[in-house]
Amino acid sequence: MEGPQTARWFIDGNATQMPEIRPQLAHLDCLVKARWLANAIYFADRIGRRGERGSDSPTTNQDGLAEAYAGMTGGGA
């Protein structure tokens, strides 16, 4: 199981066990987008510094930045 269905199962399970967190879950989308923003900053910095160390392919940084953009804009990922 992967993706939004797994996330929904996890969130619903936590909310059932800890009902006091339910109001905070309204802000979860913002937190997820902030995490994607952190990824975008990381990969943009690596591209700017031409950071290739630890990469599996020459396009790893560009791919990571594209995935972060998609995550922030709701385009998938």
Protein backbone atom coordinates (compact mmCIF):
# COMPACT_ATOMS: atom_id res chain seq x y z
CA MET A 1 0.00 0.00 0.00
CA GLU A 2 1.44 3.40 -1.02
CA GLY A 3 0.49 7.01 -1.51
CA PRO A 4 -2.61 8.86 -0.39
CA GLN A 5 -4.50 5.71 0.65
CA THR A 6 -1.70 4.78 3.04
CA ALA A 7 -1.58 8.33 4.36
CA ARG A 8 -5.35 8.38 4.92
CA TRP A 9 -5.19 5.04 6.76
CA PHE A 10 -2.34 6.34 8.95
CA ILE A 11 -4.03 9.68 9.68
CA ASP A 12 -7.41 8.12 10.45
CA GLY A 13 -5.77 5.57 12.75
CA ASN A 14 -3.92 8.25 14.68
CA ALA A 15 -7.02 10.44 14.94
CA THR A 16 -8.97 7.48 16.31
CA GLN A 17 -6.34 6.74 18.94
CA MET A 18 -5.72 10.41 19.81
CA PRO A 19 -8.86 12.46 19.07
CA GLU A 20 -7.18 15.59 20.46
CA ILE A 21 -5.04 15.84 17.30
CA ARG A 22 -8.02 16.03 14.94
CA PRO A 23 -8.12 19.88 14.84
CA GLN A 24 -4.41 19.97 13.97
CA LEU A 25 -4.93 17.65 11.02
CA ALA A 26 -6.63 20.52 9.21
CA HIS A 27 -3.14 21.99 8.77
CA LEU A 28 -1.46 18.81 7.56
CA ASP A 29 -1.50 19.86 3.90
CA CYS A 30 0.47 23.00 4.76
CA LEU A 31 3.05 20.93 6.64
CA VAL A 32 3.43 18.53 3.72
CA LYS A 33 3.94 21.44 1.31
CA ALA A 34 6.57 22.92 3.65
CA ARG A 35 8.39 19.60 3.55
CA TRP A 36 8.31 19.65 -0.27
CA LEU A 37 9.65 23.22 -0.09
CA ALA A 38 12.59 22.00 1.98
CA ASN A 39 13.30 19.36 -0.68
CA ALA A 40 13.11 22.00 -3.42
CA ILE A 41 15.62 24.21 -1.59
CA TYR A 42 17.97 21.25 -1.12
CA PHE A 43 17.94 20.21 -4.77
CA ALA A 44 18.08 23.80 -6.08
CA ASP A 45 21.16 24.38 -3.92
CA ARG A 46 22.79 21.20 -5.22
CA ILE A 47 22.10 22.30 -8.80
CA GLY A 48 23.53 25.76 -8.06
CA ARG A 49 26.69 24.28 -6.56
CA ARG A 50 26.84 21.54 -9.19
CA GLY A 51 26.68 18.96 -6.41
CA GLU A 52 27.01 15.53 -7.95
CA ARG A 53 28.45 13.54 -5.04
CA GLY A 54 26.13 10.79 -3.87
CA SER A 55 23.93 10.99 -6.96
CA ASP A 56 22.86 7.85 -8.76
CA SER A 57 22.53 9.63 -12.10
CA PRO A 58 23.42 12.97 -13.68
CA THR A 59 19.78 14.08 -13.50
CA THR A 60 19.16 13.19 -9.84
CA ASN A 61 19.11 16.82 -8.70
CA GLN A 62 16.84 17.99 -11.54
CA ASP A 63 14.54 15.03 -10.95
CA GLY A 64 14.41 15.79 -7.22
CA LEU A 65 13.60 19.44 -7.88
CA ALA A 66 10.85 18.49 -10.34
CA GLU A 67 9.37 16.04 -7.82
CA ALA A 68 9.43 18.71 -5.10
CA TYR A 69 7.71 21.20 -7.40
CA ALA A 70 5.02 18.64 -8.22
CA GLY A 71 4.52 17.97 -4.51
CA MET A 72 4.15 21.67 -3.69
CA THR A 73 1.76 22.38 -6.56
CA GLY A 74 -0.34 19.24 -6.28
CA GLY A 75 1.01 17.82 -9.53
CA GLY A 76 1.71 14.40 -8.07
CA ALA A 77 4.74 12.82 -6.42
